[in-house]
Amino acid sequence: MEAFADNKSQIIRSVLEKPFKKVMLDYLVDNEDLILEPDLVKGRVDLIMENWTRKCAVKPLMPFCWQVQFSPLDHVSNSAFSGMMKEINFDEFSLVVKDLPDSKTAGLSGISNKM
C-alpha cells in the first residue's frame, strides 16, 4: 500500500484498466477575458472548480434525534466491529474500485472514478 500512497492516480488507473482521458486547456474565456498564459489558465480553472458547487454548512453537533439513532445497541456485541480498522489488501481494493460507477466527481483525493 506504500506505492498507493506515493502515486494514487497511476495505481487506480492500472487497477481499472481503462484508458485515461485528459482535458487540455490552452486558453480560457472568463467574463469576456481571454486568458492565454498557461499558469493563469490553470489558476483560474482551479478557482472556478473550487467555487463550482455551493459550500455546505455543516452543523458541528449532532441533533438529538440522530444521537438516539447512533447510540450503541445492547444486542450488538463490540466484537462485531473489531475488524473495521484492519488494513485492506490490494485485491479487495481493486475489486471495489472496478465496481465504482463512471462520471462521478472526484473527492478530496482529486481522483475521479472515470479513468
PDB file of N, CA and C in Angstrom:
ATOM      1  N   MET A   1       0.812  -1.189   0.000  1.00  0.00           N
ATOM      2  CA  MET A   1       0.000   0.000   0.000  1.00  0.00           C
ATOM      3  C   MET A   1       0.856   1.254   0.000  1.00  0.00           C
ATOM      4  N   GLU A   2       2.180   1.130   0.224  1.00  0.00           N
ATOM      5  CA  GLU A   2       3.047   2.307   0.160  1.00  0.00           C
ATOM      6  C   GLU A   2       3.040   2.914  -1.235  1.00  0.00           C
ATOM      7  N   ALA A   3       3.042   2.069  -2.267  1.00  0.00           N
ATOM      8  CA  ALA A   3       3.010   2.564  -3.643  1.00  0.00           C
ATOM      9  C   ALA A   3       1.740   3.357  -3.892  1.00  0.00           C
ATOM     10  N   PHE A   4       0.653   2.948  -3.292  1.00  0.00           N
ATOM     11  CA  PHE A   4      -0.614   3.672  -3.456  1.00  0.00           C
ATOM     12  C   PHE A   4      -0.503   5.077  -2.872  1.00  0.00           C
ATOM     13  N   ALA A   5       0.100   5.182  -1.713  1.00  0.00           N
ATOM     14  CA  ALA A   5       0.239   6.490  -1.068  1.00  0.00           C
ATOM     15  C   ALA A   5       1.103   7.427  -1.910  1.00  0.00           C
ATOM     16  N   ASP A   6       2.085   6.889  -2.614  1.00  0.00           N
ATOM     17  CA  ASP A   6       3.000   7.712  -3.413  1.00  0.00           C
ATOM     18  C   ASP A   6       2.404   8.136  -4.746  1.00  0.00           C
ATOM     19  N   ASN A   7       1.613   7.268  -5.383  1.00  0.00           N
ATOM     20  CA  ASN A   7       1.092   7.605  -6.711  1.00  0.00           C
ATOM     21  C   ASN A   7      -0.304   7.015  -6.893  1.00  0.00           C
ATOM     22  N   LYS A   8      -1.289   7.654  -6.268  1.00  0.00           N
ATOM     23  CA  LYS A   8      -2.657   7.145  -6.272  1.00  0.00           C
ATOM     24  C   LYS A   8      -3.239   7.059  -7.679  1.00  0.00           C
ATOM     25  N   SER A   9      -3.049   8.096  -8.480  1.00  0.00           N
ATOM     26  CA  SER A   9      -3.650   8.117  -9.820  1.00  0.00           C
ATOM     27  C   SER A   9      -3.174   6.951 -10.669  1.00  0.00           C
ATOM     28  N   GLN A  10      -1.881   6.715 -10.697  1.00  0.00           N
ATOM     29  CA  GLN A  10      -1.325   5.646 -11.537  1.00  0.00           C
ATOM     30  C   GLN A  10      -1.804   4.275 -11.066  1.00  0.00           C
ATOM     31  N   ILE A  11      -1.844   4.049  -9.776  1.00  0.00           N
ATOM     32  CA  ILE A  11      -2.287   2.763  -9.235  1.00  0.00           C
ATOM     33  C   ILE A  11      -3.750   2.524  -9.597  1.00  0.00           C
ATOM     34  N   ILE A  12      -4.589   3.514  -9.413  1.00  0.00           N
ATOM     35  CA  ILE A  12      -6.016   3.343  -9.704  1.00  0.00           C
ATOM     36  C   ILE A  12      -6.235   3.130 -11.191  1.00  0.00           C
ATOM     37  N   ARG A  13      -5.510   3.869 -12.041  1.00  0.00           N
ATOM     38  CA  ARG A  13      -5.639   3.660 -13.494  1.00  0.00           C
ATOM     39  C   ARG A  13      -5.267   2.232 -13.872  1.00  0.00           C
ATOM     40  N   SER A  14      -4.197   1.708 -13.277  1.00  0.00           N
ATOM     41  CA  SER A  14      -3.782   0.351 -13.623  1.00  0.00           C
ATOM     42  C   SER A  14      -4.794  -0.676 -13.121  1.00  0.00           C
ATOM     43  N   VAL A  15      -5.414  -0.420 -11.983  1.00  0.00           N
ATOM     44  CA  VAL A  15      -6.429  -1.327 -11.443  1.00  0.00           C
ATOM     45  C   VAL A  15      -7.660  -1.330 -12.341  1.00  0.00           C
ATOM     46  N   LEU A  16      -8.073  -0.163 -12.783  1.00  0.00           N
ATOM     47  CA  LEU A  16      -9.269  -0.057 -13.604  1.00  0.00           C
ATOM     48  C   LEU A  16      -9.072  -0.573 -15.025  1.00  0.00           C
ATOM     49  N   GLU A  17      -7.847  -0.558 -15.469  1.00  0.00           N
ATOM     50  CA  GLU A  17      -7.503  -0.977 -16.834  1.00  0.00           C
ATOM     51  C   GLU A  17      -8.368  -0.248 -17.856  1.00  0.00           C
ATOM     52  N   LYS A  18      -8.548   1.048 -17.640  1.00  0.00           N
ATOM     53  CA  LYS A  18      -9.320   1.876 -18.540  1.00  0.00           C
ATOM     54  C   LYS A  18      -8.409   2.954 -19.125  1.00  0.00           C
ATOM     55  N   PRO A  19      -8.687   3.398 -20.354  1.00  0.00           N
ATOM     56  CA  PRO A  19      -7.859   4.453 -20.934  1.00  0.00           C
ATOM     57  C   PRO A  19      -8.064   5.765 -20.167  1.00  0.00           C
ATOM     58  N   PHE A  20      -7.000   6.511 -20.068  1.00  0.00           N
ATOM     59  CA  PHE A  20      -7.023   7.784 -19.351  1.00  0.00           C
ATOM     60  C   PHE A  20      -7.297   8.908 -20.330  1.00  0.00           C
ATOM     61  N   LYS A  21      -8.311   9.700 -20.045  1.00  0.00           N
ATOM     62  CA  LYS A  21      -8.636  10.846 -20.880  1.00  0.00           C
ATOM     63  C   LYS A  21      -8.290  12.109 -20.110  1.00  0.00           C
ATOM     64  N   LYS A  22      -7.598  13.005 -20.760  1.00  0.00           N
ATOM     65  CA  LYS A  22      -7.156  14.220 -20.105  1.00  0.00           C
ATOM     66  C   LYS A  22      -7.715  15.424 -20.854  1.00  0.00           C
ATOM     67  N   VAL A  23      -8.161  16.413 -20.119  1.00  0.00           N
ATOM     68  CA  VAL A  23      -8.651  17.645 -20.714  1.00  0.00           C
ATOM     69  C   VAL A  23      -7.479  18.611 -20.822  1.00  0.00           C
ATOM     70  N   MET A  24      -7.304  19.168 -21.992  1.00  0.00           N
ATOM     71  CA  MET A  24      -6.214  20.115 -22.212  1.00  0.00           C
ATOM     72  C   MET A  24      -6.816  21.494 -22.427  1.00  0.00           C
ATOM     73  N   LEU A  25      -6.462  22.434 -21.594  1.00  0.00           N
ATOM     74  CA  LEU A  25      -6.955  23.796 -21.716  1.00  0.00           C
ATOM     75  C   LEU A  25      -5.814  24.696 -22.170  1.00  0.00           C
ATOM     76  N   ASP A  26      -5.852  25.117 -23.435  1.00  0.00           N
ATOM     77  CA  ASP A  26      -4.822  26.013 -23.963  1.00  0.00           C
ATOM     78  C   ASP A  26      -5.157  27.468 -23.677  1.00  0.00           C
ATOM     79  N   TYR A  27      -6.454  27.750 -23.529  1.00  0.00           N
ATOM     80  CA  TYR A  27      -6.890  29.111 -23.236  1.00  0.00           C
ATOM     81  C   TYR A  27      -8.208  29.042 -22.488  1.00  0.00           C
ATOM     82  N   LEU A  28      -8.598  30.190 -21.943  1.00  0.00           N
ATOM     83  CA  LEU A  28      -9.839  30.249 -21.189  1.00  0.00           C
ATOM     84  C   LEU A  28     -10.470  31.615 -21.417  1.00  0.00           C
ATOM     85  N   VAL A  29     -11.765  31.615 -21.662  1.00  0.00           N
ATOM     86  CA  VAL A  29     -12.521  32.860 -21.745  1.00  0.00           C
ATOM     87  C   VAL A  29     -13.394  32.908 -20.505  1.00  0.00           C
ATOM     88  N   ASP A  30     -13.128  33.893 -19.649  1.00  0.00           N
ATOM     89  CA  ASP A  30     -13.850  34.029 -18.390  1.00  0.00           C
ATOM     90  C   ASP A  30     -14.272  35.483 -18.238  1.00  0.00           C
ATOM     91  N   ASN A  31     -15.574  35.712 -18.157  1.00  0.00           N
ATOM     92  CA  ASN A  31     -16.103  37.078 -18.059  1.00  0.00           C
ATOM     93  C   ASN A  31     -15.558  37.969 -19.167  1.00  0.00           C
ATOM     94  N   GLU A  32     -15.571  37.441 -20.370  1.00  0.00           N
ATOM     95  CA  GLU A  32     -15.103  38.133 -21.572  1.00  0.00           C
ATOM     96  C   GLU A  32     -13.604  38.422 -21.573  1.00  0.00           C
ATOM     97  N   ASP A  33     -12.866  37.855 -20.625  1.00  0.00           N
ATOM     98  CA  ASP A  33     -11.401  37.971 -20.605  1.00  0.00           C
ATOM     99  C   ASP A  33     -10.812  36.743 -21.278  1.00  0.00           C
ATOM    100  N   LEU A  34      -9.918  36.946 -22.235  1.00  0.00           N
ATOM    101  CA  LEU A  34      -9.215  35.844 -22.889  1.00  0.00           C
ATOM    102  C   LEU A  34      -7.902  35.629 -22.148  1.00  0.00           C
ATOM    103  N   ILE A  35      -7.723  34.437 -21.605  1.00  0.00           N
ATOM    104  CA  ILE A  35      -6.517  34.114 -20.841  1.00  0.00           C
ATOM    105  C   ILE A  35      -5.724  33.084 -21.625  1.00  0.00           C
ATOM    106  N   LEU A  36      -4.480  33.429 -21.955  1.00  0.00           N
ATOM    107  CA  LEU A  36      -3.630  32.552 -22.765  1.00  0.00           C
ATOM    108  C   LEU A  36      -2.446  31.992 -21.989  1.00  0.00           C
ATOM    109  N   GLU A  37      -2.026  32.653 -20.942  1.00  0.00           N
ATOM    110  CA  GLU A  37      -0.869  32.228 -20.150  1.00  0.00           C
ATOM    111  C   GLU A  37      -1.212  30.935 -19.395  1.00  0.00           C
ATOM    112  N   PRO A  38      -0.463  29.836 -19.635  1.00  0.00           N
ATOM    113  CA  PRO A  38      -0.811  28.534 -19.034  1.00  0.00           C
ATOM    114  C   PRO A  38      -0.980  28.564 -17.513  1.00  0.00           C
ATOM    115  N   ASP A  39      -0.089  29.260 -16.804  1.00  0.00           N
ATOM    116  CA  ASP A  39      -0.211  29.304 -15.341  1.00  0.00           C
ATOM    117  C   ASP A  39      -1.465  30.046 -14.907  1.00  0.00           C
ATOM    118  N   LEU A  40      -1.834  31.111 -15.629  1.00  0.00           N
ATOM    119  CA  LEU A  40      -3.048  31.865 -15.314  1.00  0.00           C
ATOM    120  C   LEU A  40      -4.300  31.052 -15.645  1.00  0.00           C
ATOM    121  N   VAL A  41      -4.248  30.297 -16.762  1.00  0.00           N
ATOM    122  CA  VAL A  41      -5.371  29.426 -17.122  1.00  0.00           C
ATOM    123  C   VAL A  41      -5.590  28.400 -16.016  1.00  0.00           C
ATOM    124  N   LYS A  42      -4.509  27.740 -15.584  1.00  0.00           N
ATOM    125  CA  LYS A  42      -4.614  26.719 -14.535  1.00  0.00           C
ATOM    126  C   LYS A  42      -5.147  27.321 -13.248  1.00  0.00           C
ATOM    127  N   GLY A  43      -4.628  28.485 -12.871  1.00  0.00           N
ATOM    128  CA  GLY A  43      -5.076  29.134 -11.646  1.00  0.00           C
ATOM    129  C   GLY A  43      -6.545  29.499 -11.694  1.00  0.00           C
ATOM    130  N   ARG A  44      -6.995  30.029 -12.828  1.00  0.00           N
ATOM    131  CA  ARG A  44      -8.397  30.434 -12.964  1.00  0.00           C
ATOM    132  C   ARG A  44      -9.303  29.209 -12.990  1.00  0.00           C
ATOM    133  N   VAL A  45      -8.887  28.146 -13.684  1.00  0.00           N
ATOM    134  CA  VAL A  45      -9.687  26.916 -13.712  1.00  0.00           C
ATOM    135  C   VAL A  45      -9.784  26.330 -12.307  1.00  0.00           C
ATOM    136  N   ASP A  46      -8.673  26.302 -11.578  1.00  0.00           N
ATOM    137  CA  ASP A  46      -8.702  25.804 -10.198  1.00  0.00           C
ATOM    138  C   ASP A  46      -9.694  26.598  -9.353  1.00  0.00           C
ATOM    139  N   LEU A  47      -9.681  27.923  -9.504  1.00  0.00           N
ATOM    140  CA  LEU A  47     -10.582  28.785  -8.742  1.00  0.00           C
ATOM    141  C   LEU A  47     -12.041  28.527  -9.128  1.00  0.00           C
ATOM    142  N   ILE A  48     -12.300  28.400 -10.428  1.00  0.00           N
ATOM    143  CA  ILE A  48     -13.659  28.135 -10.902  1.00  0.00           C
ATOM    144  C   ILE A  48     -14.160  26.796 -10.352  1.00  0.00           C
ATOM    145  N   MET A  49     -13.329  25.758 -10.422  1.00  0.00           N
ATOM    146  CA  MET A  49     -13.742  24.437  -9.956  1.00  0.00           C
ATOM    147  C   MET A  49     -13.940  24.419  -8.442  1.00  0.00           C
ATOM    148  N   GLU A  50     -13.118  25.167  -7.724  1.00  0.00           N
ATOM    149  CA  GLU A  50     -13.242  25.234  -6.270  1.00  0.00           C
ATOM    150  C   GLU A  50     -14.578  25.860  -5.871  1.00  0.00           C
ATOM    151  N   ASN A  51     -15.021  26.838  -6.647  1.00  0.00           N
ATOM    152  CA  ASN A  51     -16.268  27.543  -6.332  1.00  0.00           C
ATOM    153  C   ASN A  51     -17.460  27.023  -7.139  1.00  0.00           C
ATOM    154  N   TRP A  52     -17.304  25.899  -7.816  1.00  0.00           N
ATOM    155  CA  TRP A  52     -18.331  25.365  -8.718  1.00  0.00           C
ATOM    156  C   TRP A  52     -19.620  25.025  -7.980  1.00  0.00           C
ATOM    157  N   THR A  53     -19.491  24.403  -6.841  1.00  0.00           N
ATOM    158  CA  THR A  53     -20.678  23.999  -6.102  1.00  0.00           C
ATOM    159  C   THR A  53     -20.831  24.837  -4.844  1.00  0.00           C
ATOM    160  N   ARG A  54     -22.031  24.858  -4.356  1.00  0.00           N
ATOM    161  CA  ARG A  54     -22.340  25.605  -3.141  1.00  0.00           C
ATOM    162  C   ARG A  54     -21.687  24.906  -1.953  1.00  0.00           C
ATOM    163  N   LYS A  55     -21.100  25.677  -1.079  1.00  0.00           N
ATOM    164  CA  LYS A  55     -20.499  25.121   0.129  1.00  0.00           C
ATOM    165  C   LYS A  55     -21.616  24.708   1.088  1.00  0.00           C
ATOM    166  N   CYS A  56     -21.438  23.559   1.710  1.00  0.00           N
ATOM    167  CA  CYS A  56     -22.432  23.054   2.660  1.00  0.00           C
ATOM    168  C   CYS A  56     -22.085  23.557   4.057  1.00  0.00           C
ATOM    169  N   ALA A  57     -23.076  24.085   4.720  1.00  0.00           N
ATOM    170  CA  ALA A  57     -22.882  24.490   6.112  1.00  0.00           C
ATOM    171  C   ALA A  57     -23.076  23.253   6.981  1.00  0.00           C
ATOM    172  N   VAL A  58     -22.032  22.868   7.670  1.00  0.00           N
ATOM    173  CA  VAL A  58     -22.080  21.662   8.493  1.00  0.00           C
ATOM    174  C   VAL A  58     -22.260  22.065   9.950  1.00  0.00           C
ATOM    175  N   LYS A  59     -23.286  21.517  10.554  1.00  0.00           N
ATOM    176  CA  LYS A  59     -23.520  21.783  11.968  1.00  0.00           C
ATOM    177  C   LYS A  59     -22.609  20.873  12.783  1.00  0.00           C
ATOM    178  N   PRO A  60     -21.851  21.443  13.698  1.00  0.00           N
ATOM    179  CA  PRO A  60     -20.875  20.627  14.433  1.00  0.00           C
ATOM    180  C   PRO A  60     -21.505  19.613  15.394  1.00  0.00           C
ATOM    181  N   LEU A  61     -22.677  19.907  15.932  1.00  0.00           N
ATOM    182  CA  LEU A  61     -23.292  18.996  16.894  1.00  0.00           C
ATOM    183  C   LEU A  61     -24.374  18.167  16.223  1.00  0.00           C
ATOM    184  N   MET A  62     -24.438  16.917  16.603  1.00  0.00           N
ATOM    185  CA  MET A  62     -25.442  16.018  16.061  1.00  0.00           C
ATOM    186  C   MET A  62     -26.780  16.291  16.762  1.00  0.00           C
ATOM    187  N   PRO A  63     -27.857  16.466  15.982  1.00  0.00           N
ATOM    188  CA  PRO A  63     -29.169  16.665  16.608  1.00  0.00           C
ATOM    189  C   PRO A  63     -29.540  15.470  17.488  1.00  0.00           C
ATOM    190  N   PHE A  64     -30.350  15.734  18.489  1.00  0.00           N
ATOM    191  CA  PHE A  64     -30.715  14.698  19.452  1.00  0.00           C
ATOM    192  C   PHE A  64     -31.303  13.460  18.784  1.00  0.00           C
ATOM    193  N   CYS A  65     -32.168  13.666  17.757  1.00  0.00           N
ATOM    194  CA  CYS A  65     -32.803  12.504  17.124  1.00  0.00           C
ATOM    195  C   CYS A  65     -31.756  11.554  16.523  1.00  0.00           C
ATOM    196  N   TRP A  66     -30.638  12.099  16.027  1.00  0.00           N
ATOM    197  CA  TRP A  66     -29.597  11.243  15.468  1.00  0.00           C
ATOM    198  C   TRP A  66     -28.719  10.649  16.561  1.00  0.00           C
ATOM    199  N   GLN A  67     -28.569  11.354  17.672  1.00  0.00           N
ATOM    200  CA  GLN A  67     -27.807  10.791  18.788  1.00  0.00           C
ATOM    201  C   GLN A  67     -28.463   9.501  19.258  1.00  0.00           C
ATOM    202  N   VAL A  68     -29.787   9.499  19.290  1.00  0.00           N
ATOM    203  CA  VAL A  68     -30.522   8.298  19.687  1.00  0.00           C
ATOM    204  C   VAL A  68     -30.285   7.194  18.651  1.00  0.00           C
ATOM    205  N   GLN A  69     -30.335   7.543  17.365  1.00  0.00           N
ATOM    206  CA  GLN A  69     -30.138   6.552  16.298  1.00  0.00           C
ATOM    207  C   GLN A  69     -28.746   5.921  16.348  1.00  0.00           C
ATOM    208  N   PHE A  70     -27.732   6.722  16.695  1.00  0.00           N
ATOM    209  CA  PHE A  70     -26.358   6.234  16.668  1.00  0.00           C
ATOM    210  C   PHE A  70     -25.834   5.777  18.022  1.00  0.00           C
ATOM    211  N   SER A  71     -26.672   5.731  19.026  1.00  0.00           N
ATOM    212  CA  SER A  71     -26.211   5.243  20.324  1.00  0.00           C
ATOM    213  C   SER A  71     -26.013   3.728  20.236  1.00  0.00           C
ATOM    214  N   PRO A  72     -25.066   3.190  21.013  1.00  0.00           N
ATOM    215  CA  PRO A  72     -24.791   1.741  20.951  1.00  0.00           C
ATOM    216  C   PRO A  72     -26.031   0.913  21.288  1.00  0.00           C
ATOM    217  N   LEU A  73     -26.171  -0.211  20.613  1.00  0.00           N
ATOM    218  CA  LEU A  73     -27.295  -1.117  20.851  1.00  0.00           C
ATOM    219  C   LEU A  73     -26.847  -2.230  21.786  1.00  0.00           C
ATOM    220  N   ASP A  74     -27.679  -2.529  22.748  1.00  0.00           N
ATOM    221  CA  ASP A  74     -27.337  -3.553  23.739  1.00  0.00           C
ATOM    222  C   ASP A  74     -27.154  -4.935  23.112  1.00  0.00           C
ATOM    223  N   HIS A  75     -27.922  -5.249  22.063  1.00  0.00           N
ATOM    224  CA  HIS A  75     -27.871  -6.583  21.482  1.00  0.00           C
ATOM    225  C   HIS A  75     -26.752  -6.756  20.436  1.00  0.00           C
ATOM    226  N   VAL A  76     -25.951  -5.696  20.196  1.00  0.00           N
ATOM    227  CA  VAL A  76     -24.843  -5.804  19.245  1.00  0.00           C
ATOM    228  C   VAL A  76     -23.535  -5.815  20.030  1.00  0.00           C
ATOM    229  N   SER A  77     -22.775  -6.870  19.847  1.00  0.00           N
ATOM    230  CA  SER A  77     -21.511  -7.028  20.558  1.00  0.00           C
ATOM    231  C   SER A  77     -20.452  -6.083  19.992  1.00  0.00           C
ATOM    232  N   ASN A  78     -19.597  -5.554  20.846  1.00  0.00           N
ATOM    233  CA  ASN A  78     -18.499  -4.700  20.394  1.00  0.00           C
ATOM    234  C   ASN A  78     -17.551  -5.447  19.463  1.00  0.00           C
ATOM    235  N   SER A  79     -17.492  -6.766  19.595  1.00  0.00           N
ATOM    236  CA  SER A  79     -16.594  -7.552  18.745  1.00  0.00           C
ATOM    237  C   SER A  79     -17.057  -7.553  17.285  1.00  0.00           C
ATOM    238  N   ALA A  80     -18.296  -7.146  17.022  1.00  0.00           N
ATOM    239  CA  ALA A  80     -18.803  -7.083  15.644  1.00  0.00           C
ATOM    240  C   ALA A  80     -18.024  -6.072  14.818  1.00  0.00           C
ATOM    241  N   PHE A  81     -17.386  -5.135  15.476  1.00  0.00           N
ATOM    242  CA  PHE A  81     -16.656  -4.078  14.776  1.00  0.00           C
ATOM    243  C   PHE A  81     -15.146  -4.213  14.924  1.00  0.00           C
ATOM    244  N   SER A  82     -14.680  -5.337  15.423  1.00  0.00           N
ATOM    245  CA  SER A  82     -13.255  -5.493  15.711  1.00  0.00           C
ATOM    246  C   SER A  82     -12.373  -5.413  14.467  1.00  0.00           C
ATOM    247  N   GLY A  83     -12.894  -5.798  13.291  1.00  0.00           N
ATOM    248  CA  GLY A  83     -12.079  -5.759  12.074  1.00  0.00           C
ATOM    249  C   GLY A  83     -12.248  -4.500  11.253  1.00  0.00           C
ATOM    250  N   MET A  84     -12.983  -3.524  11.742  1.00  0.00           N
ATOM    251  CA  MET A  84     -13.291  -2.318  10.964  1.00  0.00           C
ATOM    252  C   MET A  84     -12.042  -1.530  10.574  1.00  0.00           C
ATOM    253  N   MET A  85     -11.044  -1.496  11.411  1.00  0.00           N
ATOM    254  CA  MET A  85      -9.848  -0.697  11.148  1.00  0.00           C
ATOM    255  C   MET A  85      -8.714  -1.536  10.562  1.00  0.00           C
ATOM    256  N   LYS A  86      -9.014  -2.780  10.210  1.00  0.00           N
ATOM    257  CA  LYS A  86      -7.998  -3.647   9.620  1.00  0.00           C
ATOM    258  C   LYS A  86      -7.639  -3.119   8.232  1.00  0.00           C
ATOM    259  N   GLU A  87      -6.370  -3.111   7.914  1.00  0.00           N
ATOM    260  CA  GLU A  87      -5.911  -2.608   6.618  1.00  0.00           C
ATOM    261  C   GLU A  87      -6.436  -3.505   5.490  1.00  0.00           C
ATOM    262  N   ILE A  88      -6.933  -2.872   4.426  1.00  0.00           N
ATOM    263  CA  ILE A  88      -7.444  -3.651   3.295  1.00  0.00           C
ATOM    264  C   ILE A  88      -6.281  -4.110   2.432  1.00  0.00           C
ATOM    265  N   ASN A  89      -6.476  -5.214   1.716  1.00  0.00           N
ATOM    266  CA  ASN A  89      -5.419  -5.688   0.830  1.00  0.00           C
ATOM    267  C   ASN A  89      -5.674  -5.165  -0.591  1.00  0.00           C
ATOM    268  N   PHE A  90      -4.696  -5.292  -1.443  1.00  0.00           N
ATOM    269  CA  PHE A  90      -4.768  -4.729  -2.793  1.00  0.00           C
ATOM    270  C   PHE A  90      -5.874  -5.379  -3.623  1.00  0.00           C
ATOM    271  N   ASP A  91      -6.084  -6.684  -3.482  1.00  0.00           N
ATOM    272  CA  ASP A  91      -7.137  -7.366  -4.249  1.00  0.00           C
ATOM    273  C   ASP A  91      -8.521  -6.848  -3.868  1.00  0.00           C
ATOM    274  N   GLU A  92      -8.739  -6.647  -2.581  1.00  0.00           N
ATOM    275  CA  GLU A  92     -10.018  -6.115  -2.124  1.00  0.00           C
ATOM    276  C   GLU A  92     -10.226  -4.695  -2.653  1.00  0.00           C
ATOM    277  N   PHE A  93      -9.173  -3.894  -2.601  1.00  0.00           N
ATOM    278  CA  PHE A  93      -9.221  -2.522  -3.106  1.00  0.00           C
ATOM    279  C   PHE A  93      -9.545  -2.521  -4.606  1.00  0.00           C
ATOM    280  N   SER A  94      -8.871  -3.365  -5.362  1.00  0.00           N
ATOM    281  CA  SER A  94      -9.085  -3.445  -6.813  1.00  0.00           C
ATOM    282  C   SER A  94     -10.525  -3.806  -7.144  1.00  0.00           C
ATOM    283  N   LEU A  95     -11.068  -4.771  -6.428  1.00  0.00           N
ATOM    284  CA  LEU A  95     -12.440  -5.207  -6.671  1.00  0.00           C
ATOM    285  C   LEU A  95     -13.436  -4.062  -6.436  1.00  0.00           C
ATOM    286  N   VAL A  96     -13.263  -3.330  -5.366  1.00  0.00           N
ATOM    287  CA  VAL A  96     -14.172  -2.226  -5.050  1.00  0.00           C
ATOM    288  C   VAL A  96     -14.045  -1.115  -6.078  1.00  0.00           C
ATOM    289  N   VAL A  97     -12.828  -0.742  -6.450  1.00  0.00           N
ATOM    290  CA  VAL A  97     -12.614   0.355  -7.400  1.00  0.00           C
ATOM    291  C   VAL A  97     -13.190   0.007  -8.771  1.00  0.00           C
ATOM    292  N   LYS A  98     -13.039  -1.230  -9.207  1.00  0.00           N
ATOM    293  CA  LYS A  98     -13.567  -1.624 -10.518  1.00  0.00           C
ATOM    294  C   LYS A  98     -15.088  -1.548 -10.575  1.00  0.00           C
ATOM    295  N   ASP A  99     -15.750  -1.702  -9.431  1.00  0.00           N
ATOM    296  CA  ASP A  99     -17.208  -1.664  -9.389  1.00  0.00           C
ATOM    297  C   ASP A  99     -17.781  -0.259  -9.235  1.00  0.00           C
ATOM    298  N   LEU A 100     -16.924   0.758  -9.094  1.00  0.00           N
ATOM    299  CA  LEU A 100     -17.422   2.123  -8.942  1.00  0.00           C
ATOM    300  C   LEU A 100     -18.011   2.628 -10.254  1.00  0.00           C
ATOM    301  N   PRO A 101     -19.065   3.445 -10.185  1.00  0.00           N
ATOM    302  CA  PRO A 101     -19.658   3.988 -11.415  1.00  0.00           C
ATOM    303  C   PRO A 101     -18.771   5.068 -12.026  1.00  0.00           C
ATOM    304  N   ASP A 102     -18.855   5.231 -13.338  1.00  0.00           N
ATOM    305  CA  ASP A 102     -18.109   6.283 -14.028  1.00  0.00           C
ATOM    306  C   ASP A 102     -18.831   7.615 -13.875  1.00  0.00           C
ATOM    307  N   SER A 103     -18.182   8.662 -14.346  1.00  0.00           N
ATOM    308  CA  SER A 103     -18.771  10.006 -14.416  1.00  0.00           C
ATOM    309  C   SER A 103     -19.197  10.552 -13.060  1.00  0.00           C
ATOM    310  N   LYS A 104     -18.365  10.368 -12.074  1.00  0.00           N
ATOM    311  CA  LYS A 104     -18.647  10.926 -10.756  1.00  0.00           C
ATOM    312  C   LYS A 104     -17.561  11.942 -10.420  1.00  0.00           C
ATOM    313  N   THR A 105     -17.905  12.913  -9.619  1.00  0.00           N
ATOM    314  CA  THR A 105     -16.985  13.964  -9.230  1.00  0.00           C
ATOM    315  C   THR A 105     -15.910  13.408  -8.307  1.00  0.00           C
ATOM    316  N   ALA A 106     -14.712  13.906  -8.479  1.00  0.00           N
ATOM    317  CA  ALA A 106     -13.600  13.474  -7.632  1.00  0.00           C
ATOM    318  C   ALA A 106     -13.805  13.992  -6.212  1.00  0.00           C
ATOM    319  N   GLY A 107     -13.330  13.212  -5.245  1.00  0.00           N
ATOM    320  CA  GLY A 107     -13.398  13.644  -3.854  1.00  0.00           C
ATOM    321  C   GLY A 107     -12.169  14.441  -3.477  1.00  0.00           C
ATOM    322  N   LEU A 108     -11.843  14.446  -2.194  1.00  0.00           N
ATOM    323  CA  LEU A 108     -10.698  15.211  -1.718  1.00  0.00           C
ATOM    324  C   LEU A 108      -9.387  14.739  -2.325  1.00  0.00           C
ATOM    325  N   SER A 109      -9.329  13.473  -2.704  1.00  0.00           N
ATOM    326  CA  SER A 109      -8.093  12.941  -3.290  1.00  0.00           C
ATOM    327  C   SER A 109      -7.839  13.521  -4.668  1.00  0.00           C
ATOM    328  N   GLY A 110      -8.889  14.020  -5.329  1.00  0.00           N
ATOM    329  CA  GLY A 110      -8.736  14.553  -6.684  1.00  0.00           C
ATOM    330  C   GLY A 110      -8.772  13.474  -7.747  1.00  0.00           C
ATOM    331  N   ILE A 111      -9.053  12.256  -7.349  1.00  0.00           N
ATOM    332  CA  ILE A 111      -9.064  11.134  -8.280  1.00  0.00           C
ATOM    333  C   ILE A 111     -10.508  10.813  -8.630  1.00  0.00           C
ATOM    334  N   SER A 112     -10.863  10.931  -9.885  1.00  0.00           N
ATOM    335  CA  SER A 112     -12.228  10.590 -10.282  1.00  0.00           C
ATOM    336  C   SER A 112     -12.318   9.097 -10.566  1.00  0.00           C
ATOM    337  N   ASN A 113     -13.545   8.578 -10.638  1.00  0.00           N
ATOM    338  CA  ASN A 113     -13.746   7.154 -10.913  1.00  0.00           C
ATOM    339  C   ASN A 113     -13.556   6.839 -12.382  1.00  0.00           C
ATOM    340  N   LYS A 114     -13.657   7.833 -13.249  1.00  0.00           N
ATOM    341  CA  LYS A 114     -13.540   7.591 -14.690  1.00  0.00           C
ATOM    342  C   LYS A 114     -12.110   7.841 -15.123  1.00  0.00           C
ATOM    343  N   MET A 115     -11.431   6.784 -15.492  1.00  0.00           N
ATOM    344  CA  MET A 115     -10.039   6.902 -15.919  1.00  0.00           C
ATOM    345  C   MET A 115      -9.792   6.005 -17.096  1.00  0.00           C
TER     346      MET A 115
END
